[in-house]
Amino acid sequence: MVHVCEPKRRWMNKDEKYSRLAFHAFNRFYEITQALGKKDFETFVKSKFYLGFTKFGKHMLNINAINPEEFVDFVIQNSVKLDKWCSDSVYETYVQELNRKESADRAVERSILLMQKWSDEYERPFNEFFKEVSKPLAIHYIKSGRISPWVIFNCDNGAELIDSFSDHELNIINEYLEPETKMVPSEDTAPAPTVHSSLSAATVILLIILFCFLCPFLRQRWMRNQRPRTFSI
């Protein structure tokens, strides 16, 4: 067995995705906390915090963190200790904060990407997501930030899915939904609450309408993909 010393191993892993994420976090830490310029990779390799940052880089990949760069800034700006960065509770708090502050267009975009991935994985039509996704999986998607309350509460099928949850299930996801800041009120309801977004409620409605127009097209594309294929040898 060939022995590889630790510094050399770190250099060999320089281009690994977890290492690049860790190096980015390392630089952001010094930029935000000490207003220092970017450090080179050699400084990172020799740092006593190297293992802590690379552990965090691997953690972000393992949980498929939403907007990793923003997650990095979140833990630094909130003065979370490095050894707590991989804590589940820290990421859960980040997702809750993201849901409160994220713009509607980005929220809808990441939700649609999730639905497309679900459609490919389960071989079901894209626009059947809210009707057919299992409750445990839906809860996981909500808690991990894969699908946004913007879409859930501005889609009839999404609201029906939430209504189908038991009290226990609602208690699990309640902190991630915050419906009072996500729902677009109708003319018959009370005055609209403050929505923490750069987009107006009208813009959200337009995005949802666009989503609805896309669904039939995606359904047709999905149906075409189910037709038997012939291959020449």
Protein backbone atom coordinates (compact mmCIF):
# COMPACT_ATOMS: atom_id res chain seq x y z
CA MET A 1 0.00 0.00 0.00
CA VAL A 2 1.38 3.37 -1.00
CA HIS A 3 1.41 5.87 1.84
CA VAL A 4 0.27 9.39 0.99
CA CYS A 5 1.08 12.09 3.52
CA GLU A 6 -1.78 14.28 4.71
CA PRO A 7 -0.70 17.55 3.00
CA LYS A 8 -0.27 15.75 -0.32
CA ARG A 9 -3.63 14.03 0.03
CA ARG A 10 -5.29 17.40 0.62
CA TRP A 11 -3.69 18.79 -2.52
CA MET A 12 -4.78 15.73 -4.51
CA ASN A 13 -8.39 16.36 -3.43
CA LYS A 14 -8.26 20.03 -4.38
CA ASP A 15 -10.68 19.69 -7.30
CA GLU A 16 -13.19 17.46 -5.52
CA LYS A 17 -16.53 19.20 -5.17
CA TYR A 18 -16.58 18.94 -1.37
CA SER A 19 -13.08 20.45 -1.26
CA ARG A 20 -14.09 23.37 -3.48
CA LEU A 21 -17.13 24.03 -1.30
CA ALA A 22 -14.95 23.85 1.81
CA PHE A 23 -12.38 26.24 0.33
CA HIS A 24 -15.15 28.67 -0.58
CA ALA A 25 -16.49 28.52 3.00
CA PHE A 26 -12.98 29.02 4.37
CA ASN A 27 -12.53 32.19 2.32
CA ARG A 28 -15.99 33.50 3.11
CA PHE A 29 -15.33 33.07 6.82
CA TYR A 30 -12.31 35.36 6.69
CA GLU A 31 -13.96 37.79 4.28
CA ILE A 32 -17.02 38.23 6.51
CA THR A 33 -15.50 38.02 9.99
CA GLN A 34 -12.16 39.72 9.41
CA ALA A 35 -12.63 41.63 6.14
CA LEU A 36 -9.59 39.92 4.67
CA GLY A 37 -8.98 39.19 1.02
CA LYS A 38 -9.10 35.72 -0.47
CA LYS A 39 -6.56 33.21 0.78
CA ASP A 40 -4.79 30.73 -1.46
CA PHE A 41 -5.32 26.98 -1.32
CA GLU A 42 -1.96 26.39 0.36
CA THR A 43 -3.11 28.47 3.34
CA PHE A 44 -6.27 26.40 3.46
CA VAL A 45 -4.34 23.11 3.35
CA LYS A 46 -2.13 24.19 6.26
CA SER A 47 -5.01 25.57 8.33
CA LYS A 48 -5.88 23.83 11.60
CA PHE A 49 -9.52 24.27 10.53
CA TYR A 50 -9.10 22.30 7.27
CA LEU A 51 -10.85 19.17 8.54
CA GLY A 52 -13.76 21.15 9.96
CA PHE A 53 -14.39 22.97 6.68
CA THR A 54 -14.03 19.85 4.53
CA LYS A 55 -16.46 18.03 6.82
CA PHE A 56 -18.92 20.85 6.17
CA GLY A 57 -18.30 20.64 2.41
CA LYS A 58 -19.14 16.93 2.45
CA HIS A 59 -22.18 17.62 4.61
CA MET A 60 -23.58 20.12 2.08
CA LEU A 61 -23.20 17.53 -0.67
CA ASN A 62 -24.76 14.76 1.42
CA ILE A 63 -27.88 16.78 2.22
CA ASN A 64 -27.98 18.39 -1.24
CA ALA A 65 -28.16 21.80 0.44
CA ILE A 66 -30.28 24.50 -1.20
CA ASN A 67 -28.11 27.38 -2.46
CA PRO A 68 -24.87 26.22 -0.78
CA GLU A 69 -23.19 29.63 -1.03
CA GLU A 70 -26.07 31.24 0.84
CA PHE A 71 -25.97 28.46 3.44
CA VAL A 72 -22.28 29.25 4.00
CA ASP A 73 -23.05 32.94 4.55
CA PHE A 74 -25.93 32.01 6.85
CA VAL A 75 -23.82 30.02 9.32
CA ILE A 76 -21.08 32.66 9.33
CA GLN A 77 -23.33 35.68 9.69
CA ASN A 78 -25.23 33.98 12.50
CA SER A 79 -22.00 33.23 14.38
CA VAL A 80 -22.57 29.47 14.40
CA LYS A 81 -19.51 27.64 15.70
CA LEU A 82 -17.73 25.59 13.05
CA ASP A 83 -18.29 22.30 14.88
CA LYS A 84 -22.05 22.96 14.72
CA TRP A 85 -22.25 23.72 10.99
CA CYS A 86 -23.20 20.13 10.17
CA SER A 87 -26.00 20.02 12.71
CA ASP A 88 -29.46 19.14 11.36
CA SER A 89 -31.00 21.91 13.44
CA VAL A 90 -28.76 24.51 11.80
CA TYR A 91 -29.86 23.51 8.30
CA GLU A 92 -33.50 23.38 9.38
CA THR A 93 -33.21 26.94 10.69
CA TYR A 94 -31.60 27.97 7.41
CA VAL A 95 -34.48 26.51 5.39
CA GLN A 96 -37.02 28.33 7.56
CA GLU A 97 -35.14 31.59 7.03
CA LEU A 98 -34.92 30.91 3.30
CA ASN A 99 -38.68 30.40 3.09
CA ARG A 100 -39.26 33.75 4.78
CA LYS A 101 -36.87 35.81 2.67
CA GLU A 102 -36.59 34.06 -0.69
CA SER A 103 -38.12 35.81 -3.70
CA ALA A 104 -41.10 34.12 -5.32
CA ASP A 105 -39.42 33.54 -8.67
CA ARG A 106 -36.53 31.62 -7.12
CA ALA A 107 -38.92 29.68 -4.89
CA VAL A 108 -41.08 28.62 -7.86
CA GLU A 109 -37.99 27.76 -9.91
CA ARG A 110 -36.51 25.37 -7.35
CA SER A 111 -39.92 23.79 -6.73
CA ILE A 112 -40.46 23.10 -10.42
CA LEU A 113 -36.97 21.59 -10.68
CA LEU A 114 -37.87 19.29 -7.79
CA MET A 115 -41.10 18.25 -9.50
CA GLN A 116 -39.22 17.50 -12.71
CA LYS A 117 -36.75 15.33 -10.80
CA TRP A 118 -39.62 13.54 -9.04
CA SER A 119 -41.34 12.97 -12.39
CA ASP A 120 -38.20 11.41 -13.88
CA GLU A 121 -37.50 9.26 -10.84
CA TYR A 122 -41.02 7.90 -10.36
CA GLU A 123 -42.04 7.96 -14.03
CA ARG A 124 -45.16 9.94 -13.31
CA PRO A 125 -46.51 13.08 -15.01
CA PHE A 126 -44.99 16.30 -13.78
CA ASN A 127 -48.31 17.94 -12.96
CA GLU A 128 -49.50 15.02 -10.82
CA PHE A 129 -46.88 15.75 -8.17
CA PHE A 130 -49.17 17.04 -5.40
CA LYS A 131 -51.75 14.32 -6.06
CA GLU A 132 -49.38 11.37 -6.09
CA VAL A 133 -46.35 12.21 -3.96
CA SER A 134 -46.33 10.18 -0.74
CA LYS A 135 -46.82 12.05 2.51
CA PRO A 136 -43.45 11.01 4.02
CA LEU A 137 -41.68 12.17 0.86
CA ALA A 138 -43.63 15.42 0.76
CA ILE A 139 -42.69 16.10 4.38
CA HIS A 140 -39.04 15.41 3.56
CA TYR A 141 -39.16 17.78 0.58
CA ILE A 142 -40.71 20.54 2.69
CA LYS A 143 -38.30 20.14 5.61
CA SER A 144 -35.24 19.98 3.35
CA GLY A 145 -36.31 23.07 1.42
CA ARG A 146 -36.79 21.27 -1.89
CA ILE A 147 -40.27 22.65 -2.39
CA SER A 148 -41.42 26.10 -1.37
CA PRO A 149 -44.58 27.29 0.42
CA TRP A 150 -44.96 29.79 -2.44
CA VAL A 151 -46.01 26.92 -4.69
CA ILE A 152 -47.84 24.84 -2.10
CA PHE A 153 -50.22 27.58 -0.99
CA ASN A 154 -50.83 29.04 -4.43
CA CYS A 155 -51.81 25.73 -6.01
CA ASP A 156 -55.13 24.00 -5.30
CA ASN A 157 -53.58 20.54 -5.28
CA GLY A 158 -50.82 21.75 -2.98
CA ALA A 159 -53.32 23.13 -0.49
CA GLU A 160 -55.27 19.86 -0.67
CA LEU A 161 -52.11 17.93 0.14
CA ILE A 162 -51.56 20.05 3.26
CA ASP A 163 -55.21 19.58 4.26
CA SER A 164 -54.73 15.81 4.09
CA PHE A 165 -51.97 15.82 6.71
CA SER A 166 -52.72 14.72 10.26
CA ASP A 167 -52.16 17.06 13.20
CA HIS A 168 -48.93 15.24 13.98
CA GLU A 169 -47.67 15.65 10.41
CA LEU A 170 -48.62 19.34 10.40
CA ASN A 171 -46.67 19.85 13.62
CA ILE A 172 -43.59 18.47 11.89
CA ILE A 173 -43.75 20.87 8.93
CA ASN A 174 -45.56 23.87 10.38
CA GLU A 175 -42.38 25.90 10.99
CA TYR A 176 -41.36 25.42 7.35
CA LEU A 177 -44.65 26.58 5.87
CA GLU A 178 -45.56 29.87 7.53
CA PRO A 179 -48.76 30.17 5.45
CA GLU A 180 -49.48 33.63 6.80
CA THR A 181 -46.61 34.99 4.74
CA LYS A 182 -46.94 32.75 1.71
CA MET A 183 -50.58 32.64 0.67
CA VAL A 184 -51.91 35.06 -1.91
CA PRO A 185 -55.19 36.31 -0.37
CA SER A 186 -58.39 36.52 -2.36
CA GLU A 187 -60.55 39.63 -2.53
CA ASP A 188 -62.92 38.12 0.05
CA THR A 189 -60.29 37.58 2.74
CA ALA A 190 -58.81 39.93 5.30
CA PRO A 191 -56.14 42.46 4.26
CA ALA A 192 -53.00 40.83 2.93
CA PRO A 193 -50.16 40.31 5.40
CA THR A 194 -46.68 41.54 4.67
CA VAL A 195 -44.94 39.21 2.24
CA HIS A 196 -41.19 39.03 2.63
CA SER A 197 -40.36 39.05 -1.06
CA SER A 198 -39.23 41.42 -3.75
CA LEU A 199 -42.17 40.34 -5.88
CA SER A 200 -45.79 41.35 -5.52
CA ALA A 201 -48.65 38.93 -5.04
CA ALA A 202 -49.69 39.65 -8.63
CA THR A 203 -46.29 38.44 -9.84
CA VAL A 204 -46.67 35.25 -7.84
CA ILE A 205 -50.03 34.64 -9.47
CA LEU A 206 -48.48 35.14 -12.91
CA LEU A 207 -45.75 32.63 -12.08
CA ILE A 208 -48.33 30.08 -10.98
CA ILE A 209 -50.35 30.68 -14.16
CA LEU A 210 -47.20 30.08 -16.21
CA PHE A 211 -46.64 26.89 -14.24
CA CYS A 212 -50.18 25.73 -15.04
CA PHE A 213 -49.64 26.40 -18.75
CA LEU A 214 -46.44 24.37 -18.67
CA CYS A 215 -48.10 21.35 -17.10
CA PRO A 216 -50.08 20.16 -20.19
CA PHE A 217 -46.99 20.56 -22.35
CA LEU A 218 -44.88 18.55 -19.94
CA ARG A 219 -47.60 15.92 -19.67
CA GLN A 220 -47.60 15.52 -23.48
CA ARG A 221 -43.83 15.27 -23.50
CA TRP A 222 -43.95 12.68 -20.73
CA MET A 223 -46.57 10.63 -22.62
CA ARG A 224 -44.45 10.70 -25.78
CA ASN A 225 -41.52 9.37 -23.78
CA GLN A 226 -43.62 6.39 -22.67
CA ARG A 227 -44.20 5.15 -26.23
CA PRO A 228 -42.37 1.93 -27.16
CA ARG A 229 -39.07 2.60 -28.87
CA THR A 230 -37.44 0.52 -31.59
CA PHE A 231 -33.72 0.25 -31.95
CA SER A 232 -31.67 -0.73 -34.96
CA ILE A 233 -28.81 -3.15 -34.46
